[in-house]
């Protein structure tokens, strides 16, 4: 899979699992995304895809790297729907 395609799939999964925040942006907790069975089957390297999407300014999250458990409550926010 190429990165562009994975980022597109990631956006779709965030829209499926997330909800609108106060600013009207779609947001999902990293733990929800990481522990979702469908996401686990789609993404071999979810964290890598998240970093690529952040570099492309498709989404944002606090910090440089998200780790399971430690960052489960960090919001992943879509900047482009």
Foldseek 3Di string as FASTA:
>chain_A
DDLVVVLVVVVVVLVVAFDQDPVRWTKDFPLSQVPDPVNVVSDPCPFVSLQVCVVVVQWDWPDRTDDPPVRRRIMITGPHD
